Structure formats: structure tokens, C-alpha cells
Amino acid sequence: MITQLGPDYVTAFETGVARDLVALGLNGDLSGQGIAPKSYLNVLKINDSSARIYVKSTYPVDTGCTVDWGDGSSTAVVTPTPASVGLEKQDHTYSQSGSYTIILTCGRDVKKMIFKATAAMNSLGLFDDYVGNFYKHGGGEEGGAPNPFITKGFTFKSSSNYVERNGWGLPPNHIGLVLSCGPENSFATENGSTFTLNSISAGTIWGDFIQITGYDGANQIIGTATFTNNGTNLEPIETRTLNWKNVSRVVCSGGSYFHVDDMDASIDGFLAKPITIN
């Protein structure tokens, strides 16, 4: 997996593109060649979430060519590719993880390639601003937490809330929140707006199987995710990519304690706001 755009990698890729164009007879100035219209598509992975396409077309101007990026967005392609350039390049960044089919369409000619994107997690740092007392417990440190716990525009409530640090499978310098699970124990936005939950980093406490369920405003299920990683045994926090939209609330069930480290989420209509817990 390429995580940084290195010049050697790009040079090698573009050398391969040049070989392709020669093999297809698409190199050089094509204006004077009596050939049937052709198109070419290739995709370079710039990083986990960004793709670069290489396109060449010999279709007439009135045909028109477009690129469908597979995530609901599209762009036009220069038609035909000017003789002054070898080919056309376009970059695109995906906001959500997934497998996308990139489609170049020129008239009836269709070229397709798959790009697998892993979007960066824009963590909110939900509980890391908590200020309070901790005591040694369960191989880490634990403390009582406000109930509900309100931070960054979200409210977390259960029959008992606890904060954890320095253990419990958490990354260094992170603070996690433990919620007891049940049908009335959930998290939602502070003002009742719906939200988008792209991903969540979490686990369990005391070895329980935990399922979280997202509901919309009509109380219909959007999706579910499960966690079995036991923070009591220092099994690391795990991230689940969800891409849930129009979420009203998220409920945990199936075990005793759900351990939340952080989320990649946005509140519909406004930005999440930091609230310091004293």
C-alpha cells in the first residue's frame, strides 16, 4: 500500500503508461492519423485516499468524454487530448473508505478501473480533554465520569460511565469512556441533530461481546458493528469503518461495558464544538 508519493514510484508508473500508449498507437500527434477513435485510462494510487488518472482520447470534440469517480462525482476530459501533451492527468480524493469503480466514457467506449480507498480518520479527540481523578484499577487507571458525558457536541449516557487511561488497550496518551450497555444507554448529539458516523475506535471491558446499532430519526436500523477485543486483557482498541449517515442515536447491547476511544463523525448542519469537562 502506497502511503507517500515517491518520485521513483511515479516515474516507473508513468513509464508503463508511455509503453501502453505506444502499444495502442496513441503516442504523439494523432490529428493527422486516420485511425478509429480510441481512449485510454490508467489509475495511480497517490496515497490511501487519493487517485490520479491518466487519460488520452482521440474522439472528436463533439463526442465528449467524462470520468465518473464512483463516489457520485464526475469531471470532463479534454476531447481530443491536445497534441501538445502526451495525455491528461486528474487527481481525486475520496472522503470515505471503499472500493470505487472509476469509469471513463467516450461515446460508446467505456474504460473501467477499480480504486480501493482508505480515508483518513479525522478523530475528534472525544475524551482526551477530561480533567478528573484516576485510580489504579484492572491493569490501568480508572475514574468516575459525568453522566451524561458531553463533549465535542455529543452526549454519552448510560447507567454508569467511567473514564480509562494508561492501559485497557488504549493508544498512548488517550482517554477512553466506558458505558454500561442496555436499551436506554446510548450516544447522540447534544442538540438532537442527526450526524454522520464515518468510523469509531472502541472495544469491550471484561471480555464481553458488544454490538452497537445505529438508528435514524424514525427508529429504523442503519447498521450494526461488533467488538470482542477485551481491553481488560490489554487487547488494543479497534477501528470500524461504518459510513453511517443521518444517525439519530447509537445503542450498545450484547454485553456489559462498551469502551469508546474516539470517533470520526460530523454533526449535520454545524461543526462539532469542544466542551471542556472540569
C-alpha atoms as a PDB file:
ATOM      1  CA  MET A   1       0.000   0.000   0.000  1.00  0.00           C
ATOM      2  CA  ILE A   2       1.446   3.347  -1.060  1.00  0.00           C
ATOM      3  CA  THR A   3       1.281   5.925   1.719  1.00  0.00           C
ATOM      4  CA  GLN A   4       3.554   8.560   0.208  1.00  0.00           C
ATOM      5  CA  LEU A   5       4.008   9.690  -3.364  1.00  0.00           C
ATOM      6  CA  GLY A   6       7.638   8.899  -4.194  1.00  0.00           C
ATOM      7  CA  PRO A   7       9.277  10.126  -7.419  1.00  0.00           C
ATOM      8  CA  ASP A   8      10.693   6.713  -8.334  1.00  0.00           C
ATOM      9  CA  TYR A   9       7.284   5.082  -7.974  1.00  0.00           C
ATOM     10  CA  VAL A  10       5.612   7.744 -10.121  1.00  0.00           C
ATOM     11  CA  THR A  11       8.349   7.626 -12.751  1.00  0.00           C
ATOM     12  CA  ALA A  12       8.079   3.855 -13.053  1.00  0.00           C
ATOM     13  CA  PHE A  13       4.287   4.070 -13.297  1.00  0.00           C
ATOM     14  CA  GLU A  14       4.366   6.765 -15.973  1.00  0.00           C
ATOM     15  CA  THR A  15       6.988   4.828 -17.934  1.00  0.00           C
ATOM     16  CA  GLY A  16       4.485   1.983 -18.036  1.00  0.00           C
ATOM     17  CA  VAL A  17       1.767   4.377 -19.203  1.00  0.00           C
ATOM     18  CA  ALA A  18       4.037   5.544 -22.033  1.00  0.00           C
ATOM     19  CA  ARG A  19       4.605   1.927 -23.113  1.00  0.00           C
ATOM     20  CA  ASP A  20       0.849   1.365 -23.127  1.00  0.00           C
ATOM     21  CA  LEU A  21       0.265   4.366 -25.383  1.00  0.00           C
ATOM     22  CA  VAL A  22       2.886   3.187 -27.850  1.00  0.00           C
ATOM     23  CA  ALA A  23       1.372  -0.295 -27.946  1.00  0.00           C
ATOM     24  CA  LEU A  24      -2.091   1.183 -28.573  1.00  0.00           C
ATOM     25  CA  GLY A  25      -0.868   3.612 -31.208  1.00  0.00           C
ATOM     26  CA  LEU A  26      -1.859   6.582 -29.077  1.00  0.00           C
ATOM     27  CA  ASN A  27       1.521   8.264 -28.753  1.00  0.00           C
ATOM     28  CA  GLY A  28       2.396  11.541 -30.434  1.00  0.00           C
ATOM     29  CA  ASP A  29       0.239  13.887 -32.518  1.00  0.00           C
ATOM     30  CA  LEU A  30      -2.799  11.953 -33.702  1.00  0.00           C
ATOM     31  CA  SER A  31      -4.546  14.738 -35.622  1.00  0.00           C
ATOM     32  CA  GLY A  32      -3.265  13.610 -38.987  1.00  0.00           C
ATOM     33  CA  GLN A  33      -3.751   9.899 -38.436  1.00  0.00           C
ATOM     34  CA  GLY A  34      -6.734   8.209 -39.994  1.00  0.00           C
ATOM     35  CA  ILE A  35      -7.415   5.917 -37.087  1.00  0.00           C
ATOM     36  CA  ALA A  36     -10.625   4.943 -35.357  1.00  0.00           C
ATOM     37  CA  PRO A  37     -11.232   6.963 -32.184  1.00  0.00           C
ATOM     38  CA  LYS A  38      -9.658   5.467 -29.084  1.00  0.00           C
ATOM     39  CA  SER A  39      -9.452   6.206 -25.363  1.00  0.00           C
ATOM     40  CA  TYR A  40      -7.053   5.193 -22.604  1.00  0.00           C
ATOM     41  CA  LEU A  41      -7.396   5.105 -18.778  1.00  0.00           C
ATOM     42  CA  ASN A  42      -4.923   4.193 -16.050  1.00  0.00           C
ATOM     43  CA  VAL A  43      -5.007   4.899 -12.298  1.00  0.00           C
ATOM     44  CA  LEU A  44      -2.139   5.718  -9.938  1.00  0.00           C
ATOM     45  CA  LYS A  45      -2.595   5.446  -6.170  1.00  0.00           C
ATOM     46  CA  ILE A  46      -1.171   8.680  -4.747  1.00  0.00           C
ATOM     47  CA  ASN A  47      -1.982   7.674  -1.172  1.00  0.00           C
ATOM     48  CA  ASP A  48      -4.597   5.660   0.696  1.00  0.00           C
ATOM     49  CA  SER A  49      -7.440   8.032  -0.195  1.00  0.00           C
ATOM     50  CA  SER A  50      -6.304   9.793  -3.407  1.00  0.00           C
ATOM     51  CA  ALA A  51      -6.199   8.577  -7.010  1.00  0.00           C
ATOM     52  CA  ARG A  52      -4.599  10.079 -10.117  1.00  0.00           C
ATOM     53  CA  ILE A  53      -5.942   9.109 -13.520  1.00  0.00           C
ATOM     54  CA  TYR A  54      -4.057   9.183 -16.820  1.00  0.00           C
ATOM     55  CA  VAL A  55      -6.323   9.711 -19.814  1.00  0.00           C
ATOM     56  CA  LYS A  56      -5.860  10.012 -23.557  1.00  0.00           C
ATOM     57  CA  SER A  57      -8.603  10.350 -26.132  1.00  0.00           C
ATOM     58  CA  THR A  58      -8.751  10.707 -29.917  1.00  0.00           C
ATOM     59  CA  TYR A  59     -12.517  11.151 -30.108  1.00  0.00           C
ATOM     60  CA  PRO A  60     -13.818  14.247 -31.902  1.00  0.00           C
ATOM     61  CA  VAL A  61     -14.696  17.277 -29.823  1.00  0.00           C
ATOM     62  CA  ASP A  62     -18.444  16.839 -30.235  1.00  0.00           C
ATOM     63  CA  THR A  63     -18.295  13.348 -28.682  1.00  0.00           C
ATOM     64  CA  GLY A  64     -17.301  14.455 -25.190  1.00  0.00           C
ATOM     65  CA  CYS A  65     -15.607  12.297 -22.565  1.00  0.00           C
ATOM     66  CA  THR A  66     -16.302  12.141 -18.827  1.00  0.00           C
ATOM     67  CA  VAL A  67     -14.792  10.459 -15.800  1.00  0.00           C
ATOM     68  CA  ASP A  68     -17.095   9.022 -13.140  1.00  0.00           C
ATOM     69  CA  TRP A  69     -15.077   8.641  -9.924  1.00  0.00           C
ATOM     70  CA  GLY A  70     -17.533   6.161  -8.419  1.00  0.00           C
ATOM     71  CA  ASP A  71     -18.444   8.288  -5.398  1.00  0.00           C
ATOM     72  CA  GLY A  72     -21.099  10.431  -7.046  1.00  0.00           C
ATOM     73  CA  SER A  73     -18.700  12.960  -8.569  1.00  0.00           C
ATOM     74  CA  SER A  74     -17.551  13.294 -12.170  1.00  0.00           C
ATOM     75  CA  THR A  75     -15.314  15.514 -14.303  1.00  0.00           C
ATOM     76  CA  ALA A  76     -14.941  16.272 -18.003  1.00  0.00           C
ATOM     77  CA  VAL A  77     -11.981  15.137 -20.065  1.00  0.00           C
ATOM     78  CA  VAL A  78     -10.296  17.256 -22.722  1.00  0.00           C
ATOM     79  CA  THR A  79     -11.517  15.884 -26.071  1.00  0.00           C
ATOM     80  CA  PRO A  80      -9.458  15.167 -28.016  1.00  0.00           C
ATOM     81  CA  THR A  81      -6.290  15.216 -25.937  1.00  0.00           C
ATOM     82  CA  PRO A  82      -4.248  18.136 -27.300  1.00  0.00           C
ATOM     83  CA  ALA A  83      -1.308  17.212 -29.469  1.00  0.00           C
ATOM     84  CA  SER A  84       0.868  19.395 -27.222  1.00  0.00           C
ATOM     85  CA  VAL A  85       0.503  16.994 -24.279  1.00  0.00           C
ATOM     86  CA  GLY A  86       1.114  13.300 -24.045  1.00  0.00           C
ATOM     87  CA  LEU A  87      -2.033  12.700 -22.014  1.00  0.00           C
ATOM     88  CA  GLU A  88      -4.276  14.280 -19.389  1.00  0.00           C
ATOM     89  CA  LYS A  89      -3.921  13.858 -15.620  1.00  0.00           C
ATOM     90  CA  GLN A  90      -6.575  14.403 -12.960  1.00  0.00           C
ATOM     91  CA  ASP A  91      -6.433  13.855  -9.190  1.00  0.00           C
ATOM     92  CA  HIS A  92      -9.302  12.923  -6.885  1.00  0.00           C
ATOM     93  CA  THR A  93      -9.545  12.377  -3.109  1.00  0.00           C
ATOM     94  CA  TYR A  94     -12.168  10.120  -1.543  1.00  0.00           C
ATOM     95  CA  SER A  95     -13.761  11.205   1.725  1.00  0.00           C
ATOM     96  CA  GLN A  96     -14.925   7.706   2.673  1.00  0.00           C
ATOM     97  CA  SER A  97     -13.276   4.312   2.600  1.00  0.00           C
ATOM     98  CA  GLY A  98     -14.463   1.836  -0.007  1.00  0.00           C
ATOM     99  CA  SER A  99     -13.875   0.179  -3.363  1.00  0.00           C
ATOM    100  CA  TYR A 100     -14.687   2.562  -6.221  1.00  0.00           C
ATOM    101  CA  THR A 101     -15.103   1.875  -9.943  1.00  0.00           C
ATOM    102  CA  ILE A 102     -13.576   4.703 -11.963  1.00  0.00           C
ATOM    103  CA  ILE A 103     -15.237   4.892 -15.388  1.00  0.00           C
ATOM    104  CA  LEU A 104     -14.018   6.782 -18.455  1.00  0.00           C
ATOM    105  CA  THR A 105     -16.803   7.164 -21.018  1.00  0.00           C
ATOM    106  CA  CYS A 106     -16.163   8.466 -24.542  1.00  0.00           C
ATOM    107  CA  GLY A 107     -19.206   7.933 -26.717  1.00  0.00           C
ATOM    108  CA  ARG A 108     -19.864   4.196 -26.629  1.00  0.00           C
ATOM    109  CA  ASP A 109     -16.331   3.413 -25.498  1.00  0.00           C
ATOM    110  CA  VAL A 110     -16.124   2.678 -21.754  1.00  0.00           C
ATOM    111  CA  LYS A 111     -12.968   2.027 -19.746  1.00  0.00           C
ATOM    112  CA  LYS A 112     -13.140   0.923 -16.089  1.00  0.00           C
ATOM    113  CA  MET A 113     -10.639   0.523 -13.250  1.00  0.00           C
ATOM    114  CA  ILE A 114     -11.046  -0.217  -9.524  1.00  0.00           C
ATOM    115  CA  PHE A 115      -9.585   2.010  -6.810  1.00  0.00           C
ATOM    116  CA  LYS A 116      -9.669   0.934  -3.155  1.00  0.00           C
ATOM    117  CA  ALA A 117      -9.651   3.963  -0.877  1.00  0.00           C
ATOM    118  CA  THR A 118      -8.980   4.116   2.847  1.00  0.00           C
ATOM    119  CA  ALA A 119      -9.992   7.536   4.071  1.00  0.00           C
ATOM    120  CA  ALA A 120      -8.043   9.101   6.908  1.00  0.00           C
ATOM    121  CA  MET A 121      -9.838   9.102  10.258  1.00  0.00           C
ATOM    122  CA  ASN A 122     -10.472  12.672  11.370  1.00  0.00           C
ATOM    123  CA  SER A 123     -10.533  11.953  15.086  1.00  0.00           C
ATOM    124  CA  LEU A 124     -12.496  14.245  17.356  1.00  0.00           C
ATOM    125  CA  GLY A 125     -10.331  13.566  20.434  1.00  0.00           C
ATOM    126  CA  LEU A 126     -13.541  12.961  22.350  1.00  0.00           C
ATOM    127  CA  PHE A 127     -12.417  12.392  25.917  1.00  0.00           C
ATOM    128  CA  ASP A 128      -8.786  13.493  25.915  1.00  0.00           C
ATOM    129  CA  ASP A 129      -9.703  16.868  27.442  1.00  0.00           C
ATOM    130  CA  TYR A 130     -11.210  15.256  30.543  1.00  0.00           C
ATOM    131  CA  VAL A 131      -9.822  16.572  33.822  1.00  0.00           C
ATOM    132  CA  GLY A 132     -10.509  14.479  36.912  1.00  0.00           C
ATOM    133  CA  ASN A 133      -9.182  11.932  39.375  1.00  0.00           C
ATOM    134  CA  PHE A 134      -7.946   8.481  38.365  1.00  0.00           C
ATOM    135  CA  TYR A 135      -7.049   5.456  40.473  1.00  0.00           C
ATOM    136  CA  LYS A 136      -5.246   2.204  39.706  1.00  0.00           C
ATOM    137  CA  HIS A 137      -7.626  -0.485  38.546  1.00  0.00           C
ATOM    138  CA  GLY A 138      -7.618  -3.502  36.216  1.00  0.00           C
ATOM    139  CA  GLY A 139      -4.054  -3.022  34.987  1.00  0.00           C
ATOM    140  CA  GLY A 140      -4.657   0.635  34.118  1.00  0.00           C
ATOM    141  CA  GLU A 141      -6.204   3.747  35.577  1.00  0.00           C
ATOM    142  CA  GLU A 142      -9.908   4.446  36.000  1.00  0.00           C
ATOM    143  CA  GLY A 143     -12.054   7.323  37.194  1.00  0.00           C
ATOM    144  CA  GLY A 144     -15.658   8.342  37.544  1.00  0.00           C
ATOM    145  CA  ALA A 145     -17.124  10.306  34.644  1.00  0.00           C
ATOM    146  CA  PRO A 146     -20.009  12.747  34.270  1.00  0.00           C
ATOM    147  CA  ASN A 147     -23.260  11.090  33.251  1.00  0.00           C
ATOM    148  CA  PRO A 148     -24.179  12.124  30.673  1.00  0.00           C
ATOM    149  CA  PHE A 149     -20.687  12.896  29.394  1.00  0.00           C
ATOM    150  CA  ILE A 150     -20.934  15.834  26.963  1.00  0.00           C
ATOM    151  CA  THR A 151     -18.015  16.613  24.673  1.00  0.00           C
ATOM    152  CA  LYS A 152     -17.474  17.942  21.141  1.00  0.00           C
ATOM    153  CA  GLY A 153     -21.242  18.322  20.638  1.00  0.00           C
ATOM    154  CA  PHE A 154     -22.027  14.690  21.566  1.00  0.00           C
ATOM    155  CA  THR A 155     -23.618  13.289  24.719  1.00  0.00           C
ATOM    156  CA  PHE A 156     -22.847   9.812  26.092  1.00  0.00           C
ATOM    157  CA  LYS A 157     -25.194   8.381  28.716  1.00  0.00           C
ATOM    158  CA  SER A 158     -25.581   5.039  30.453  1.00  0.00           C
ATOM    159  CA  SER A 159     -26.430   3.691  33.881  1.00  0.00           C
ATOM    160  CA  SER A 160     -22.748   4.154  34.774  1.00  0.00           C
ATOM    161  CA  ASN A 161     -19.920   5.974  32.983  1.00  0.00           C
ATOM    162  CA  TYR A 162     -16.187   5.565  33.655  1.00  0.00           C
ATOM    163  CA  VAL A 163     -13.050   7.010  32.096  1.00  0.00           C
ATOM    164  CA  GLU A 164      -9.927   4.937  31.457  1.00  0.00           C
ATOM    165  CA  ARG A 165      -6.287   5.696  30.631  1.00  0.00           C
ATOM    166  CA  ASN A 166      -2.783   4.153  30.666  1.00  0.00           C
ATOM    167  CA  GLY A 167      -3.953   0.657  29.819  1.00  0.00           C
ATOM    168  CA  TRP A 168      -7.184  -1.006  28.687  1.00  0.00           C
ATOM    169  CA  GLY A 169      -5.831  -1.349  25.132  1.00  0.00           C
ATOM    170  CA  LEU A 170      -5.829   2.413  24.583  1.00  0.00           C
ATOM    171  CA  PRO A 171      -3.205   4.173  22.469  1.00  0.00           C
ATOM    172  CA  PRO A 172      -0.663   6.209  24.467  1.00  0.00           C
ATOM    173  CA  ASN A 173      -1.995   9.470  25.936  1.00  0.00           C
ATOM    174  CA  HIS A 174      -5.602   8.601  25.079  1.00  0.00           C
ATOM    175  CA  ILE A 175      -8.538   8.641  27.460  1.00  0.00           C
ATOM    176  CA  GLY A 176     -11.472   6.312  26.801  1.00  0.00           C
ATOM    177  CA  LEU A 177     -15.036   6.304  28.083  1.00  0.00           C
ATOM    178  CA  VAL A 178     -16.731   3.120  29.299  1.00  0.00           C
ATOM    179  CA  LEU A 179     -20.514   2.917  29.080  1.00  0.00           C
ATOM    180  CA  SER A 180     -22.656   0.169  30.559  1.00  0.00           C
ATOM    181  CA  CYS A 181     -24.786  -1.337  27.802  1.00  0.00           C
ATOM    182  CA  GLY A 182     -28.552  -1.522  27.643  1.00  0.00           C
ATOM    183  CA  PRO A 183     -31.549  -0.422  25.534  1.00  0.00           C
ATOM    184  CA  GLU A 184     -31.634   3.067  27.099  1.00  0.00           C
ATOM    185  CA  ASN A 185     -27.851   3.575  27.102  1.00  0.00           C
ATOM    186  CA  SER A 186     -26.640   5.383  24.002  1.00  0.00           C
ATOM    187  CA  PHE A 187     -24.817   8.316  22.498  1.00  0.00           C
ATOM    188  CA  ALA A 188     -26.250  11.059  20.294  1.00  0.00           C
ATOM    189  CA  THR A 189     -25.722  14.737  19.530  1.00  0.00           C
ATOM    190  CA  GLU A 190     -26.142  17.269  22.299  1.00  0.00           C
ATOM    191  CA  ASN A 191     -28.781  19.287  20.428  1.00  0.00           C
ATOM    192  CA  GLY A 192     -30.696  16.394  18.861  1.00  0.00           C
ATOM    193  CA  SER A 193     -29.379  16.839  15.300  1.00  0.00           C
ATOM    194  CA  THR A 194     -28.589  13.809  13.189  1.00  0.00           C
ATOM    195  CA  PHE A 195     -24.950  13.044  12.492  1.00  0.00           C
ATOM    196  CA  THR A 196     -22.651  11.097  10.187  1.00  0.00           C
ATOM    197  CA  LEU A 197     -20.538   8.387  11.811  1.00  0.00           C
ATOM    198  CA  ASN A 198     -17.672   7.536   9.466  1.00  0.00           C
ATOM    199  CA  SER A 199     -15.773   5.319  11.904  1.00  0.00           C
ATOM    200  CA  ILE A 200     -15.406   4.545  15.596  1.00  0.00           C
ATOM    201  CA  SER A 201     -12.455   3.230  17.615  1.00  0.00           C
ATOM    202  CA  ALA A 202     -13.610   1.107  20.529  1.00  0.00           C
ATOM    203  CA  GLY A 203     -13.515  -2.216  22.376  1.00  0.00           C
ATOM    204  CA  THR A 204     -15.013  -4.091  25.291  1.00  0.00           C
ATOM    205  CA  ILE A 205     -14.244  -4.320  29.002  1.00  0.00           C
ATOM    206  CA  TRP A 206     -14.188  -7.615  30.938  1.00  0.00           C
ATOM    207  CA  GLY A 207     -14.297  -9.713  27.791  1.00  0.00           C
ATOM    208  CA  ASP A 208     -17.888  -9.150  26.739  1.00  0.00           C
ATOM    209  CA  PHE A 209     -19.189  -9.320  23.172  1.00  0.00           C
ATOM    210  CA  ILE A 210     -20.545  -5.870  22.280  1.00  0.00           C
ATOM    211  CA  GLN A 211     -22.776  -4.881  19.379  1.00  0.00           C
ATOM    212  CA  ILE A 212     -23.536  -1.285  18.513  1.00  0.00           C
ATOM    213  CA  THR A 213     -26.601  -0.372  16.451  1.00  0.00           C
ATOM    214  CA  GLY A 214     -27.207   2.921  14.672  1.00  0.00           C
ATOM    215  CA  TYR A 215     -30.764   4.236  14.381  1.00  0.00           C
ATOM    216  CA  ASP A 216     -32.232   7.036  12.294  1.00  0.00           C
ATOM    217  CA  GLY A 217     -34.871   9.536  13.394  1.00  0.00           C
ATOM    218  CA  ALA A 218     -37.676   7.076  12.536  1.00  0.00           C
ATOM    219  CA  ASN A 219     -36.072   4.458  14.799  1.00  0.00           C
ATOM    220  CA  GLN A 220     -35.061   2.360  11.795  1.00  0.00           C
ATOM    221  CA  ILE A 221     -31.758   0.485  11.939  1.00  0.00           C
ATOM    222  CA  ILE A 222     -28.989   1.993   9.807  1.00  0.00           C
ATOM    223  CA  GLY A 223     -26.330  -0.620  10.592  1.00  0.00           C
ATOM    224  CA  THR A 224     -24.558  -2.668  13.244  1.00  0.00           C
ATOM    225  CA  ALA A 225     -20.950  -3.382  14.241  1.00  0.00           C
ATOM    226  CA  THR A 226     -19.415  -5.765  16.774  1.00  0.00           C
ATOM    227  CA  PHE A 227     -16.420  -5.649  19.111  1.00  0.00           C
ATOM    228  CA  THR A 228     -14.841  -8.542  21.009  1.00  0.00           C
ATOM    229  CA  ASN A 229     -11.403  -7.025  21.727  1.00  0.00           C
ATOM    230  CA  ASN A 230     -11.033  -7.135  25.505  1.00  0.00           C
ATOM    231  CA  GLY A 231      -9.356  -4.060  26.967  1.00  0.00           C
ATOM    232  CA  THR A 232      -9.073  -5.796  30.335  1.00  0.00           C
ATOM    233  CA  ASN A 233      -6.506  -8.101  28.713  1.00  0.00           C
ATOM    234  CA  LEU A 234      -4.878  -5.081  27.012  1.00  0.00           C
ATOM    235  CA  GLU A 235      -6.184  -6.155  23.615  1.00  0.00           C
ATOM    236  CA  PRO A 236      -5.860  -2.999  21.504  1.00  0.00           C
ATOM    237  CA  ILE A 237      -8.687  -0.686  20.564  1.00  0.00           C
ATOM    238  CA  GLU A 238     -10.002  -1.471  17.061  1.00  0.00           C
ATOM    239  CA  THR A 239     -11.457   0.855  14.439  1.00  0.00           C
ATOM    240  CA  ARG A 240     -14.603   0.020  12.490  1.00  0.00           C
ATOM    241  CA  THR A 241     -15.344   1.922   9.271  1.00  0.00           C
ATOM    242  CA  LEU A 242     -19.124   2.467   9.234  1.00  0.00           C
ATOM    243  CA  ASN A 243     -20.079   5.377   6.940  1.00  0.00           C
ATOM    244  CA  TRP A 244     -23.466   5.683   8.676  1.00  0.00           C
ATOM    245  CA  LYS A 245     -25.474   8.762   7.660  1.00  0.00           C
ATOM    246  CA  ASN A 246     -28.455  10.519   9.243  1.00  0.00           C
ATOM    247  CA  VAL A 247     -27.793   8.825  12.574  1.00  0.00           C
ATOM    248  CA  SER A 248     -30.070   9.802  15.445  1.00  0.00           C
ATOM    249  CA  ARG A 249     -28.519   7.615  18.182  1.00  0.00           C
ATOM    250  CA  VAL A 250     -26.209   4.638  18.687  1.00  0.00           C
ATOM    251  CA  VAL A 251     -27.077   1.966  21.255  1.00  0.00           C
ATOM    252  CA  CYS A 252     -24.780  -0.766  22.635  1.00  0.00           C
ATOM    253  CA  SER A 253     -26.006  -4.236  23.564  1.00  0.00           C
ATOM    254  CA  GLY A 254     -24.881  -7.831  23.991  1.00  0.00           C
ATOM    255  CA  GLY A 255     -22.516  -7.340  26.922  1.00  0.00           C
ATOM    256  CA  SER A 256     -21.804  -5.269  29.980  1.00  0.00           C
ATOM    257  CA  TYR A 257     -19.372  -2.479  29.055  1.00  0.00           C
ATOM    258  CA  PHE A 258     -18.573  -0.676  25.818  1.00  0.00           C
ATOM    259  CA  HIS A 259     -15.223   1.155  25.722  1.00  0.00           C
ATOM    260  CA  VAL A 260     -15.108   4.136  23.314  1.00  0.00           C
ATOM    261  CA  ASP A 261     -11.766   5.728  22.429  1.00  0.00           C
ATOM    262  CA  ASP A 262     -12.683   8.105  19.603  1.00  0.00           C
ATOM    263  CA  MET A 263     -14.825   8.715  16.523  1.00  0.00           C
ATOM    264  CA  ASP A 264     -14.636  10.218  13.075  1.00  0.00           C
ATOM    265  CA  ALA A 265     -18.010  11.955  12.978  1.00  0.00           C
ATOM    266  CA  SER A 266     -19.682  15.181  11.913  1.00  0.00           C
ATOM    267  CA  ILE A 267     -22.896  16.739  13.138  1.00  0.00           C
ATOM    268  CA  ASP A 268     -25.357  17.611  10.405  1.00  0.00           C
ATOM    269  CA  GLY A 269     -25.725  21.342   9.930  1.00  0.00           C
ATOM    270  CA  PHE A 270     -22.827  22.574  12.055  1.00  0.00           C
ATOM    271  CA  LEU A 271     -19.358  21.702  13.284  1.00  0.00           C
ATOM    272  CA  ALA A 272     -18.870  19.707  16.467  1.00  0.00           C
ATOM    273  CA  LYS A 273     -17.849  22.013  19.286  1.00  0.00           C
ATOM    274  CA  PRO A 274     -15.291  21.305  22.012  1.00  0.00           C
ATOM    275  CA  ILE A 275     -16.651  21.352  25.561  1.00  0.00           C
ATOM    276  CA  THR A 276     -14.157  21.116  28.422  1.00  0.00           C
ATOM    277  CA  ILE A 277     -15.165  18.869  31.323  1.00  0.00           C
ATOM    278  CA  ASN A 278     -13.971  20.304  34.669  1.00  0.00           C
END
